[in-house]
PDB file of all heavy atoms in Angstrom:
ATOM      1  N   TYR A   1      -5.402   7.830 -12.003  1.00  0.00           N
ATOM      2  CA  TYR A   1      -4.107   7.273 -11.630  1.00  0.00           C
ATOM      3  C   TYR A   1      -4.211   6.375 -10.406  1.00  0.00           C
ATOM      4  O   TYR A   1      -4.877   6.722  -9.429  1.00  0.00           O
ATOM      5  CB  TYR A   1      -3.101   8.392 -11.349  1.00  0.00           C
ATOM      6  CG  TYR A   1      -2.889   9.301 -12.523  1.00  0.00           C
ATOM      7  CD1 TYR A   1      -3.712  10.392 -12.725  1.00  0.00           C
ATOM      8  CD2 TYR A   1      -1.888   9.047 -13.449  1.00  0.00           C
ATOM      9  CE1 TYR A   1      -3.545  11.225 -13.829  1.00  0.00           C
ATOM     10  CE2 TYR A   1      -1.704   9.874 -14.544  1.00  0.00           C
ATOM     11  CZ  TYR A   1      -2.537  10.955 -14.733  1.00  0.00           C
ATOM     12  OH  TYR A   1      -2.368  11.761 -15.822  1.00  0.00           O
ATOM     13  N   ALA A   2      -3.516   5.249 -10.478  1.00  0.00           N
ATOM     14  CA  ALA A   2      -3.357   4.429  -9.287  1.00  0.00           C
ATOM     15  C   ALA A   2      -2.546   5.189  -8.243  1.00  0.00           C
ATOM     16  O   ALA A   2      -1.870   6.182  -8.556  1.00  0.00           O
ATOM     17  CB  ALA A   2      -2.643   3.130  -9.661  1.00  0.00           C
ATOM     18  N   MET A   3      -2.638   4.721  -7.008  1.00  0.00           N
ATOM     19  CA  MET A   3      -1.859   5.310  -5.925  1.00  0.00           C
ATOM     20  C   MET A   3      -1.220   4.191  -5.117  1.00  0.00           C
ATOM     21  O   MET A   3      -1.708   3.056  -5.109  1.00  0.00           O
ATOM     22  CB  MET A   3      -2.753   6.140  -5.010  1.00  0.00           C
ATOM     23  CG  MET A   3      -3.358   7.370  -5.652  1.00  0.00           C
ATOM     24  SD  MET A   3      -2.137   8.645  -6.011  1.00  0.00           S
ATOM     25  CE  MET A   3      -1.645   9.118  -4.350  1.00  0.00           C
ATOM     26  N   GLY A   4      -0.164   4.532  -4.426  1.00  0.00           N
ATOM     27  CA  GLY A   4       0.487   3.536  -3.588  1.00  0.00           C
ATOM     28  C   GLY A   4       1.011   4.144  -2.305  1.00  0.00           C
ATOM     29  O   GLY A   4       1.153   5.371  -2.190  1.00  0.00           O
ATOM     30  N   TRP A   5       1.245   3.275  -1.345  1.00  0.00           N
ATOM     31  CA  TRP A   5       1.905   3.662  -0.087  1.00  0.00           C
ATOM     32  C   TRP A   5       3.142   2.783   0.086  1.00  0.00           C
ATOM     33  O   TRP A   5       3.079   1.557  -0.090  1.00  0.00           O
ATOM     34  CB  TRP A   5       0.987   3.473   1.113  1.00  0.00           C
ATOM     35  CG  TRP A   5      -0.097   4.483   1.232  1.00  0.00           C
ATOM     36  CD1 TRP A   5      -1.377   4.371   0.779  1.00  0.00           C
ATOM     37  CD2 TRP A   5      -0.011   5.767   1.859  1.00  0.00           C
ATOM     38  NE1 TRP A   5      -2.082   5.498   1.076  1.00  0.00           N
ATOM     39  CE2 TRP A   5      -1.275   6.380   1.746  1.00  0.00           C
ATOM     40  CE3 TRP A   5       1.014   6.466   2.511  1.00  0.00           C
ATOM     41  CZ2 TRP A   5      -1.548   7.651   2.253  1.00  0.00           C
ATOM     42  CZ3 TRP A   5       0.739   7.718   3.013  1.00  0.00           C
ATOM     43  CH2 TRP A   5      -0.521   8.305   2.891  1.00  0.00           C
ATOM     44  N   PHE A   6       4.238   3.420   0.422  1.00  0.00           N
ATOM     45  CA  PHE A   6       5.476   2.743   0.770  1.00  0.00           C
ATOM     46  C   PHE A   6       5.907   3.219   2.151  1.00  0.00           C
ATOM     47  O   PHE A   6       5.391   4.226   2.651  1.00  0.00           O
ATOM     48  CB  PHE A   6       6.584   3.060  -0.249  1.00  0.00           C
ATOM     49  CG  PHE A   6       6.443   2.317  -1.559  1.00  0.00           C
ATOM     50  CD1 PHE A   6       5.434   2.643  -2.453  1.00  0.00           C
ATOM     51  CD2 PHE A   6       7.319   1.302  -1.886  1.00  0.00           C
ATOM     52  CE1 PHE A   6       5.303   1.965  -3.664  1.00  0.00           C
ATOM     53  CE2 PHE A   6       7.194   0.618  -3.088  1.00  0.00           C
ATOM     54  CZ  PHE A   6       6.187   0.957  -3.969  1.00  0.00           C
ATOM     55  N   ARG A   7       6.839   2.527   2.736  1.00  0.00           N
ATOM     56  CA  ARG A   7       7.384   2.981   4.010  1.00  0.00           C
ATOM     57  C   ARG A   7       8.884   2.687   4.058  1.00  0.00           C
ATOM     58  O   ARG A   7       9.376   1.798   3.359  1.00  0.00           O
ATOM     59  CB  ARG A   7       6.685   2.296   5.184  1.00  0.00           C
ATOM     60  CG  ARG A   7       6.918   0.791   5.285  1.00  0.00           C
ATOM     61  CD  ARG A   7       6.061   0.207   6.405  1.00  0.00           C
ATOM     62  NE  ARG A   7       6.266  -1.237   6.543  1.00  0.00           N
ATOM     63  CZ  ARG A   7       5.554  -2.007   7.362  1.00  0.00           C
ATOM     64  NH1 ARG A   7       4.588  -1.472   8.117  1.00  0.00           N
ATOM     65  NH2 ARG A   7       5.808  -3.286   7.434  1.00  0.00           N
ATOM     66  N   GLN A   8       9.559   3.457   4.890  1.00  0.00           N
ATOM     67  CA  GLN A   8      10.989   3.266   5.065  1.00  0.00           C
ATOM     68  C   GLN A   8      11.344   3.418   6.528  1.00  0.00           C
ATOM     69  O   GLN A   8      11.130   4.479   7.125  1.00  0.00           O
ATOM     70  CB  GLN A   8      11.790   4.257   4.220  1.00  0.00           C
ATOM     71  CG  GLN A   8      13.285   3.980   4.223  1.00  0.00           C
ATOM     72  CD  GLN A   8      14.017   4.732   3.135  1.00  0.00           C
ATOM     73  OE1 GLN A   8      13.522   5.726   2.598  1.00  0.00           O
ATOM     74  NE2 GLN A   8      15.206   4.272   2.780  1.00  0.00           N
ATOM     75  N   ALA A   9      11.851   2.349   7.097  1.00  0.00           N
ATOM     76  CA  ALA A   9      12.311   2.356   8.480  1.00  0.00           C
ATOM     77  C   ALA A   9      13.797   2.717   8.520  1.00  0.00           C
ATOM     78  O   ALA A   9      14.508   2.546   7.517  1.00  0.00           O
ATOM     79  CB  ALA A   9      12.086   0.985   9.109  1.00  0.00           C
ATOM     80  N   PRO A  10      14.285   3.183   9.659  1.00  0.00           N
ATOM     81  CA  PRO A  10      15.700   3.561   9.760  1.00  0.00           C
ATOM     82  C   PRO A  10      16.616   2.406   9.384  1.00  0.00           C
ATOM     83  O   PRO A  10      16.453   1.285   9.874  1.00  0.00           O
ATOM     84  CB  PRO A  10      15.850   3.939  11.231  1.00  0.00           C
ATOM     85  CG  PRO A  10      14.492   4.362  11.656  1.00  0.00           C
ATOM     86  CD  PRO A  10      13.542   3.486  10.895  1.00  0.00           C
ATOM     87  N   GLY A  11      17.562   2.681   8.491  1.00  0.00           N
ATOM     88  CA  GLY A  11      18.527   1.666   8.101  1.00  0.00           C
ATOM     89  C   GLY A  11      18.005   0.620   7.140  1.00  0.00           C
ATOM     90  O   GLY A  11      18.716  -0.349   6.842  1.00  0.00           O
ATOM     91  N   ARG A  12      16.797   0.802   6.661  1.00  0.00           N
ATOM     92  CA  ARG A  12      16.211  -0.189   5.759  1.00  0.00           C
ATOM     93  C   ARG A  12      15.801   0.464   4.441  1.00  0.00           C
ATOM     94  O   ARG A  12      15.617   1.676   4.362  1.00  0.00           O
ATOM     95  CB  ARG A  12      15.005  -0.856   6.409  1.00  0.00           C
ATOM     96  CG  ARG A  12      15.349  -1.560   7.712  1.00  0.00           C
ATOM     97  CD  ARG A  12      14.183  -2.344   8.243  1.00  0.00           C
ATOM     98  NE  ARG A  12      13.805  -3.445   7.348  1.00  0.00           N
ATOM     99  CZ  ARG A  12      12.852  -4.314   7.621  1.00  0.00           C
ATOM    100  NH1 ARG A  12      12.169  -4.226   8.750  1.00  0.00           N
ATOM    101  NH2 ARG A  12      12.566  -5.288   6.772  1.00  0.00           N
ATOM    102  N   GLU A  13      15.630  -0.360   3.435  1.00  0.00           N
ATOM    103  CA  GLU A  13      15.203   0.149   2.142  1.00  0.00           C
ATOM    104  C   GLU A  13      13.700   0.454   2.182  1.00  0.00           C
ATOM    105  O   GLU A  13      12.950  -0.113   2.977  1.00  0.00           O
ATOM    106  CB  GLU A  13      15.494  -0.869   1.045  1.00  0.00           C
ATOM    107  CG  GLU A  13      16.976  -1.062   0.769  1.00  0.00           C
ATOM    108  CD  GLU A  13      17.225  -1.908  -0.463  1.00  0.00           C
ATOM    109  OE1 GLU A  13      16.254  -2.424  -1.042  1.00  0.00           O
ATOM    110  OE2 GLU A  13      18.392  -2.067  -0.833  1.00  0.00           O
ATOM    111  N   ARG A  14      13.290   1.333   1.271  1.00  0.00           N
ATOM    112  CA  ARG A  14      11.880   1.631   1.151  1.00  0.00           C
ATOM    113  C   ARG A  14      11.142   0.382   0.682  1.00  0.00           C
ATOM    114  O   ARG A  14      11.596  -0.309  -0.234  1.00  0.00           O
ATOM    115  CB  ARG A  14      11.683   2.772   0.162  1.00  0.00           C
ATOM    116  CG  ARG A  14      10.320   3.383   0.165  1.00  0.00           C
ATOM    117  CD  ARG A  14      10.283   4.647  -0.668  1.00  0.00           C
ATOM    118  NE  ARG A  14      11.134   5.690  -0.113  1.00  0.00           N
ATOM    119  CZ  ARG A  14      11.136   6.951  -0.540  1.00  0.00           C
ATOM    120  NH1 ARG A  14      10.327   7.308  -1.524  1.00  0.00           N
ATOM    121  NH2 ARG A  14      11.930   7.847  -0.001  1.00  0.00           N
ATOM    122  N   GLU A  15      10.005   0.081   1.320  1.00  0.00           N
ATOM    123  CA  GLU A  15       9.279  -1.121   0.979  1.00  0.00           C
ATOM    124  C   GLU A  15       7.823  -0.826   0.671  1.00  0.00           C
ATOM    125  O   GLU A  15       7.223   0.103   1.225  1.00  0.00           O
ATOM    126  CB  GLU A  15       9.357  -2.157   2.118  1.00  0.00           C
ATOM    127  CG  GLU A  15       8.690  -1.751   3.399  1.00  0.00           C
ATOM    128  CD  GLU A  15       8.614  -2.876   4.417  1.00  0.00           C
ATOM    129  OE1 GLU A  15       8.973  -4.026   4.086  1.00  0.00           O
ATOM    130  OE2 GLU A  15       8.175  -2.598   5.551  1.00  0.00           O
ATOM    131  N   PHE A  16       7.271  -1.627  -0.198  1.00  0.00           N
ATOM    132  CA  PHE A  16       5.878  -1.511  -0.597  1.00  0.00           C
ATOM    133  C   PHE A  16       4.960  -1.863   0.567  1.00  0.00           C
ATOM    134  O   PHE A  16       5.214  -2.812   1.311  1.00  0.00           O
ATOM    135  CB  PHE A  16       5.620  -2.438  -1.778  1.00  0.00           C
ATOM    136  CG  PHE A  16       4.168  -2.592  -2.135  1.00  0.00           C
ATOM    137  CD1 PHE A  16       3.516  -1.598  -2.855  1.00  0.00           C
ATOM    138  CD2 PHE A  16       3.456  -3.709  -1.737  1.00  0.00           C
ATOM    139  CE1 PHE A  16       2.178  -1.732  -3.184  1.00  0.00           C
ATOM    140  CE2 PHE A  16       2.128  -3.853  -2.055  1.00  0.00           C
ATOM    141  CZ  PHE A  16       1.492  -2.860  -2.776  1.00  0.00           C
ATOM    142  N   VAL A  17       3.859  -1.100   0.673  1.00  0.00           N
ATOM    143  CA  VAL A  17       2.872  -1.366   1.704  1.00  0.00           C
ATOM    144  C   VAL A  17       1.526  -1.750   1.073  1.00  0.00           C
ATOM    145  O   VAL A  17       0.974  -2.802   1.368  1.00  0.00           O
ATOM    146  CB  VAL A  17       2.691  -0.154   2.631  1.00  0.00           C
ATOM    147  CG1 VAL A  17       1.574  -0.397   3.633  1.00  0.00           C
ATOM    148  CG2 VAL A  17       3.997   0.176   3.347  1.00  0.00           C
ATOM    149  N   ALA A  18       1.014  -0.854   0.215  1.00  0.00           N
ATOM    150  CA  ALA A  18      -0.307  -1.091  -0.359  1.00  0.00           C
ATOM    151  C   ALA A  18      -0.467  -0.257  -1.617  1.00  0.00           C
ATOM    152  O   ALA A  18       0.205   0.761  -1.784  1.00  0.00           O
ATOM    153  CB  ALA A  18      -1.402  -0.750   0.639  1.00  0.00           C
ATOM    154  N   ALA A  19      -1.383  -0.700  -2.481  1.00  0.00           N
ATOM    155  CA  ALA A  19      -1.664   0.029  -3.712  1.00  0.00           C
ATOM    156  C   ALA A  19      -3.150  -0.053  -4.014  1.00  0.00           C
ATOM    157  O   ALA A  19      -3.827  -1.006  -3.606  1.00  0.00           O
ATOM    158  CB  ALA A  19      -0.852  -0.539  -4.864  1.00  0.00           C
ATOM    159  N   ILE A  20      -3.631   0.940  -4.751  1.00  0.00           N
ATOM    160  CA  ILE A  20      -5.035   0.985  -5.113  1.00  0.00           C
ATOM    161  C   ILE A  20      -5.162   1.514  -6.529  1.00  0.00           C
ATOM    162  O   ILE A  20      -4.407   2.404  -6.945  1.00  0.00           O
ATOM    163  CB  ILE A  20      -5.825   1.846  -4.104  1.00  0.00           C
ATOM    164  CG1 ILE A  20      -7.326   1.742  -4.348  1.00  0.00           C
ATOM    165  CG2 ILE A  20      -5.346   3.301  -4.125  1.00  0.00           C
ATOM    166  CD1 ILE A  20      -8.162   2.320  -3.195  1.00  0.00           C
ATOM    167  N   SER A  21      -6.114   0.972  -7.274  1.00  0.00           N
ATOM    168  CA  SER A  21      -6.330   1.429  -8.639  1.00  0.00           C
ATOM    169  C   SER A  21      -7.014   2.789  -8.646  1.00  0.00           C
ATOM    170  O   SER A  21      -7.543   3.246  -7.622  1.00  0.00           O
ATOM    171  CB  SER A  21      -7.193   0.414  -9.386  1.00  0.00           C
ATOM    172  OG  SER A  21      -8.460   0.284  -8.763  1.00  0.00           O
ATOM    173  N   GLY A  22      -7.012   3.420  -9.796  1.00  0.00           N
ATOM    174  CA  GLY A  22      -7.632   4.726  -9.910  1.00  0.00           C
ATOM    175  C   GLY A  22      -9.117   4.711  -9.579  1.00  0.00           C
ATOM    176  O   GLY A  22      -9.636   5.659  -8.988  1.00  0.00           O
ATOM    177  N   SER A  23      -9.777   3.642  -9.947  1.00  0.00           N
ATOM    178  CA  SER A  23     -11.205   3.510  -9.651  1.00  0.00           C
ATOM    179  C   SER A  23     -11.467   3.164  -8.197  1.00  0.00           C
ATOM    180  O   SER A  23     -12.583   3.322  -7.704  1.00  0.00           O
ATOM    181  CB  SER A  23     -11.804   2.422 -10.539  1.00  0.00           C
ATOM    182  OG  SER A  23     -11.217   1.168 -10.235  1.00  0.00           O
ATOM    183  N   GLY A  24     -10.442   2.643  -7.526  1.00  0.00           N
ATOM    184  CA  GLY A  24     -10.609   2.196  -6.143  1.00  0.00           C
ATOM    185  C   GLY A  24     -11.107   0.775  -6.023  1.00  0.00           C
ATOM    186  O   GLY A  24     -11.246   0.267  -4.904  1.00  0.00           O
ATOM    187  N   THR A  25     -11.348   0.108  -7.141  1.00  0.00           N
ATOM    188  CA  THR A  25     -11.936  -1.233  -7.078  1.00  0.00           C
ATOM    189  C   THR A  25     -10.907  -2.328  -6.884  1.00  0.00           C
ATOM    190  O   THR A  25     -11.250  -3.439  -6.485  1.00  0.00           O
ATOM    191  CB  THR A  25     -12.719  -1.538  -8.355  1.00  0.00           C
ATOM    192  OG1 THR A  25     -11.855  -1.356  -9.487  1.00  0.00           O
ATOM    193  CG2 THR A  25     -13.911  -0.597  -8.493  1.00  0.00           C
ATOM    194  N   SER A  26      -9.653  -2.029  -7.161  1.00  0.00           N
ATOM    195  CA  SER A  26      -8.594  -3.030  -6.972  1.00  0.00           C
ATOM    196  C   SER A  26      -7.587  -2.538  -5.940  1.00  0.00           C
ATOM    197  O   SER A  26      -7.186  -1.373  -5.969  1.00  0.00           O
ATOM    198  CB  SER A  26      -7.860  -3.293  -8.290  1.00  0.00           C
ATOM    199  OG  SER A  26      -8.709  -3.902  -9.224  1.00  0.00           O
ATOM    200  N   THR A  27      -7.208  -3.433  -5.053  1.00  0.00           N
ATOM    201  CA  THR A  27      -6.200  -3.117  -4.044  1.00  0.00           C
ATOM    202  C   THR A  27      -5.216  -4.280  -3.941  1.00  0.00           C
ATOM    203  O   THR A  27      -5.520  -5.413  -4.340  1.00  0.00           O
ATOM    204  CB  THR A  27      -6.821  -2.871  -2.666  1.00  0.00           C
ATOM    205  OG1 THR A  27      -7.571  -4.022  -2.275  1.00  0.00           O
ATOM    206  CG2 THR A  27      -7.725  -1.652  -2.678  1.00  0.00           C
ATOM    207  N   TYR A  28      -4.050  -3.968  -3.398  1.00  0.00           N
ATOM    208  CA  TYR A  28      -3.016  -5.000  -3.217  1.00  0.00           C
ATOM    209  C   TYR A  28      -2.203  -4.622  -2.001  1.00  0.00           C
ATOM    210  O   TYR A  28      -1.919  -3.445  -1.768  1.00  0.00           O
ATOM    211  CB  TYR A  28      -2.125  -5.083  -4.459  1.00  0.00           C
ATOM    212  CG  TYR A  28      -1.225  -6.292  -4.475  1.00  0.00           C
ATOM    213  CD1 TYR A  28      -1.684  -7.506  -4.975  1.00  0.00           C
ATOM    214  CD2 TYR A  28       0.085  -6.227  -3.992  1.00  0.00           C
ATOM    215  CE1 TYR A  28      -0.869  -8.615  -4.993  1.00  0.00           C
ATOM    216  CE2 TYR A  28       0.893  -7.336  -4.007  1.00  0.00           C
ATOM    217  CZ  TYR A  28       0.423  -8.538  -4.503  1.00  0.00           C
ATOM    218  OH  TYR A  28       1.236  -9.637  -4.505  1.00  0.00           O
ATOM    219  N   TYR A  29      -1.817  -5.640  -1.198  1.00  0.00           N
ATOM    220  CA  TYR A  29      -1.124  -5.371   0.057  1.00  0.00           C
ATOM    221  C   TYR A  29       0.135  -6.224   0.181  1.00  0.00           C
ATOM    222  O   TYR A  29       0.186  -7.367  -0.292  1.00  0.00           O
ATOM    223  CB  TYR A  29      -2.030  -5.685   1.243  1.00  0.00           C
ATOM    224  CG  TYR A  29      -3.260  -4.817   1.315  1.00  0.00           C
ATOM    225  CD1 TYR A  29      -4.456  -5.203   0.721  1.00  0.00           C
ATOM    226  CD2 TYR A  29      -3.226  -3.591   1.983  1.00  0.00           C
ATOM    227  CE1 TYR A  29      -5.574  -4.403   0.777  1.00  0.00           C
ATOM    228  CE2 TYR A  29      -4.355  -2.786   2.050  1.00  0.00           C
ATOM    229  CZ  TYR A  29      -5.519  -3.202   1.447  1.00  0.00           C
ATOM    230  OH  TYR A  29      -6.635  -2.404   1.515  1.00  0.00           O
ATOM    231  N   ALA A  30       1.100  -5.670   0.880  1.00  0.00           N
ATOM    232  CA  ALA A  30       2.240  -6.477   1.284  1.00  0.00           C
ATOM    233  C   ALA A  30       1.767  -7.498   2.312  1.00  0.00           C
ATOM    234  O   ALA A  30       0.853  -7.232   3.101  1.00  0.00           O
ATOM    235  CB  ALA A  30       3.321  -5.587   1.889  1.00  0.00           C
ATOM    236  N   ASP A  31       2.395  -8.657   2.317  1.00  0.00           N
ATOM    237  CA  ASP A  31       2.003  -9.705   3.259  1.00  0.00           C
ATOM    238  C   ASP A  31       2.105  -9.237   4.705  1.00  0.00           C
ATOM    239  O   ASP A  31       1.320  -9.644   5.558  1.00  0.00           O
ATOM    240  CB  ASP A  31       2.878 -10.941   3.053  1.00  0.00           C
ATOM    241  CG  ASP A  31       2.545 -11.684   1.776  1.00  0.00           C
ATOM    242  OD1 ASP A  31       1.454 -11.445   1.199  1.00  0.00           O
ATOM    243  OD2 ASP A  31       3.383 -12.492   1.333  1.00  0.00           O
ATOM    244  N   SER A  32       3.062  -8.375   4.975  1.00  0.00           N
ATOM    245  CA  SER A  32       3.313  -7.932   6.345  1.00  0.00           C
ATOM    246  C   SER A  32       2.180  -7.083   6.916  1.00  0.00           C
ATOM    247  O   SER A  32       2.081  -6.935   8.140  1.00  0.00           O
ATOM    248  CB  SER A  32       4.622  -7.158   6.421  1.00  0.00           C
ATOM    249  OG  SER A  32       4.591  -6.035   5.556  1.00  0.00           O
ATOM    250  N   VAL A  33       1.346  -6.520   6.057  1.00  0.00           N
ATOM    251  CA  VAL A  33       0.272  -5.644   6.540  1.00  0.00           C
ATOM    252  C   VAL A  33      -1.111  -6.173   6.190  1.00  0.00           C
ATOM    253  O   VAL A  33      -2.116  -5.595   6.632  1.00  0.00           O
ATOM    254  CB  VAL A  33       0.427  -4.204   5.999  1.00  0.00           C
ATOM    255  CG1 VAL A  33       1.813  -3.667   6.315  1.00  0.00           C
ATOM    256  CG2 VAL A  33       0.128  -4.130   4.506  1.00  0.00           C
ATOM    257  N   LYS A  34      -1.177  -7.230   5.431  1.00  0.00           N
ATOM    258  CA  LYS A  34      -2.461  -7.767   4.986  1.00  0.00           C
ATOM    259  C   LYS A  34      -3.319  -8.143   6.185  1.00  0.00           C
ATOM    260  O   LYS A  34      -2.857  -8.783   7.128  1.00  0.00           O
ATOM    261  CB  LYS A  34      -2.228  -8.980   4.090  1.00  0.00           C
ATOM    262  CG  LYS A  34      -3.366  -9.342   3.187  1.00  0.00           C
ATOM    263  CD  LYS A  34      -2.967 -10.449   2.229  1.00  0.00           C
ATOM    264  CE  LYS A  34      -1.880 -10.019   1.282  1.00  0.00           C
ATOM    265  NZ  LYS A  34      -1.503 -11.085   0.321  1.00  0.00           N
ATOM    266  N   GLY A  35      -4.569  -7.697   6.149  1.00  0.00           N
ATOM    267  CA  GLY A  35      -5.484  -7.963   7.254  1.00  0.00           C
ATOM    268  C   GLY A  35      -5.451  -6.925   8.352  1.00  0.00           C
ATOM    269  O   GLY A  35      -6.335  -6.892   9.211  1.00  0.00           O
ATOM    270  N   ARG A  36      -4.429  -6.066   8.344  1.00  0.00           N
ATOM    271  CA  ARG A  36      -4.328  -5.013   9.358  1.00  0.00           C
ATOM    272  C   ARG A  36      -4.477  -3.619   8.765  1.00  0.00           C
ATOM    273  O   ARG A  36      -5.006  -2.722   9.413  1.00  0.00           O
ATOM    274  CB  ARG A  36      -2.967  -5.105  10.067  1.00  0.00           C
ATOM    275  CG  ARG A  36      -2.711  -6.417  10.765  1.00  0.00           C
ATOM    276  CD  ARG A  36      -1.427  -6.356  11.606  1.00  0.00           C
ATOM    277  NE  ARG A  36      -0.240  -6.118  10.796  1.00  0.00           N
ATOM    278  CZ  ARG A  36       0.579  -5.081  10.969  1.00  0.00           C
ATOM    279  NH1 ARG A  36       0.327  -4.179  11.918  1.00  0.00           N
ATOM    280  NH2 ARG A  36       1.661  -4.943  10.198  1.00  0.00           N
ATOM    281  N   PHE A  37      -3.989  -3.434   7.555  1.00  0.00           N
ATOM    282  CA  PHE A  37      -4.038  -2.130   6.890  1.00  0.00           C
ATOM    283  C   PHE A  37      -5.076  -2.153   5.777  1.00  0.00           C
ATOM    284  O   PHE A  37      -5.293  -3.188   5.132  1.00  0.00           O
ATOM    285  CB  PHE A  37      -2.684  -1.790   6.280  1.00  0.00           C
ATOM    286  CG  PHE A  37      -1.584  -1.474   7.261  1.00  0.00           C
ATOM    287  CD1 PHE A  37      -1.708  -1.755   8.616  1.00  0.00           C
ATOM    288  CD2 PHE A  37      -0.405  -0.892   6.820  1.00  0.00           C
ATOM    289  CE1 PHE A  37      -0.692  -1.463   9.508  1.00  0.00           C
ATOM    290  CE2 PHE A  37       0.629  -0.591   7.690  1.00  0.00           C
ATOM    291  CZ  PHE A  37       0.480  -0.895   9.044  1.00  0.00           C
ATOM    292  N   THR A  38      -5.678  -0.991   5.543  1.00  0.00           N
ATOM    293  CA  THR A  38      -6.634  -0.844   4.448  1.00  0.00           C
ATOM    294  C   THR A  38      -6.324   0.419   3.678  1.00  0.00           C
ATOM    295  O   THR A  38      -6.270   1.510   4.262  1.00  0.00           O
ATOM    296  CB  THR A  38      -8.074  -0.785   4.969  1.00  0.00           C
ATOM    297  OG1 THR A  38      -8.368  -1.960   5.720  1.00  0.00           O
ATOM    298  CG2 THR A  38      -9.055  -0.669   3.811  1.00  0.00           C
ATOM    299  N   ILE A  39      -6.136   0.269   2.386  1.00  0.00           N
ATOM    300  CA  ILE A  39      -5.940   1.429   1.520  1.00  0.00           C
ATOM    301  C   ILE A  39      -7.274   1.789   0.884  1.00  0.00           C
ATOM    302  O   ILE A  39      -8.070   0.911   0.532  1.00  0.00           O
ATOM    303  CB  ILE A  39      -4.863   1.147   0.448  1.00  0.00           C
ATOM    304  CG1 ILE A  39      -4.514   2.424  -0.322  1.00  0.00           C
ATOM    305  CG2 ILE A  39      -5.288   0.023  -0.484  1.00  0.00           C
ATOM    306  CD1 ILE A  39      -3.323   2.272  -1.268  1.00  0.00           C
ATOM    307  N   SER A  40      -7.529   3.080   0.761  1.00  0.00           N
ATOM    308  CA  SER A  40      -8.763   3.536   0.134  1.00  0.00           C
ATOM    309  C   SER A  40      -8.509   4.889  -0.506  1.00  0.00           C
ATOM    310  O   SER A  40      -7.434   5.472  -0.348  1.00  0.00           O
ATOM    311  CB  SER A  40      -9.898   3.632   1.167  1.00  0.00           C
ATOM    312  OG  SER A  40      -9.583   4.581   2.169  1.00  0.00           O
ATOM    313  N   ARG A  41      -9.499   5.369  -1.206  1.00  0.00           N
ATOM    314  CA  ARG A  41      -9.368   6.680  -1.832  1.00  0.00           C
ATOM    315  C   ARG A  41     -10.738   7.311  -1.972  1.00  0.00           C
ATOM    316  O   ARG A  41     -11.750   6.622  -2.099  1.00  0.00           O
ATOM    317  CB  ARG A  41      -8.683   6.575  -3.186  1.00  0.00           C
ATOM    318  CG  ARG A  41      -9.436   5.772  -4.230  1.00  0.00           C
ATOM    319  CD  ARG A  41      -8.551   5.500  -5.464  1.00  0.00           C
ATOM    320  NE  ARG A  41      -8.143   6.724  -6.127  1.00  0.00           N
ATOM    321  CZ  ARG A  41      -7.072   6.832  -6.910  1.00  0.00           C
ATOM    322  NH1 ARG A  41      -6.300   5.771  -7.104  1.00  0.00           N
ATOM    323  NH2 ARG A  41      -6.775   7.977  -7.496  1.00  0.00           N
ATOM    324  N   ASP A  42     -10.738   8.637  -1.955  1.00  0.00           N
ATOM    325  CA  ASP A  42     -11.940   9.418  -2.209  1.00  0.00           C
ATOM    326  C   ASP A  42     -11.608  10.314  -3.391  1.00  0.00           C
ATOM    327  O   ASP A  42     -10.926  11.344  -3.226  1.00  0.00           O
ATOM    328  CB  ASP A  42     -12.319  10.226  -0.973  1.00  0.00           C
ATOM    329  CG  ASP A  42     -13.626  10.980  -1.141  1.00  0.00           C
ATOM    330  OD1 ASP A  42     -14.019  11.239  -2.302  1.00  0.00           O
ATOM    331  OD2 ASP A  42     -14.241  11.326  -0.124  1.00  0.00           O
TER     332      ASP A  42
END
């Protein structure tokens, strides 16, 4: 199964942060965190 991370700040809607495929070989990031956040899995 793929996995994802979302976040929700006070007064704001839940927003996408990052996602990773089940194999871990594919990842995708929101523009706001690209280059700063890294999603991974073991």
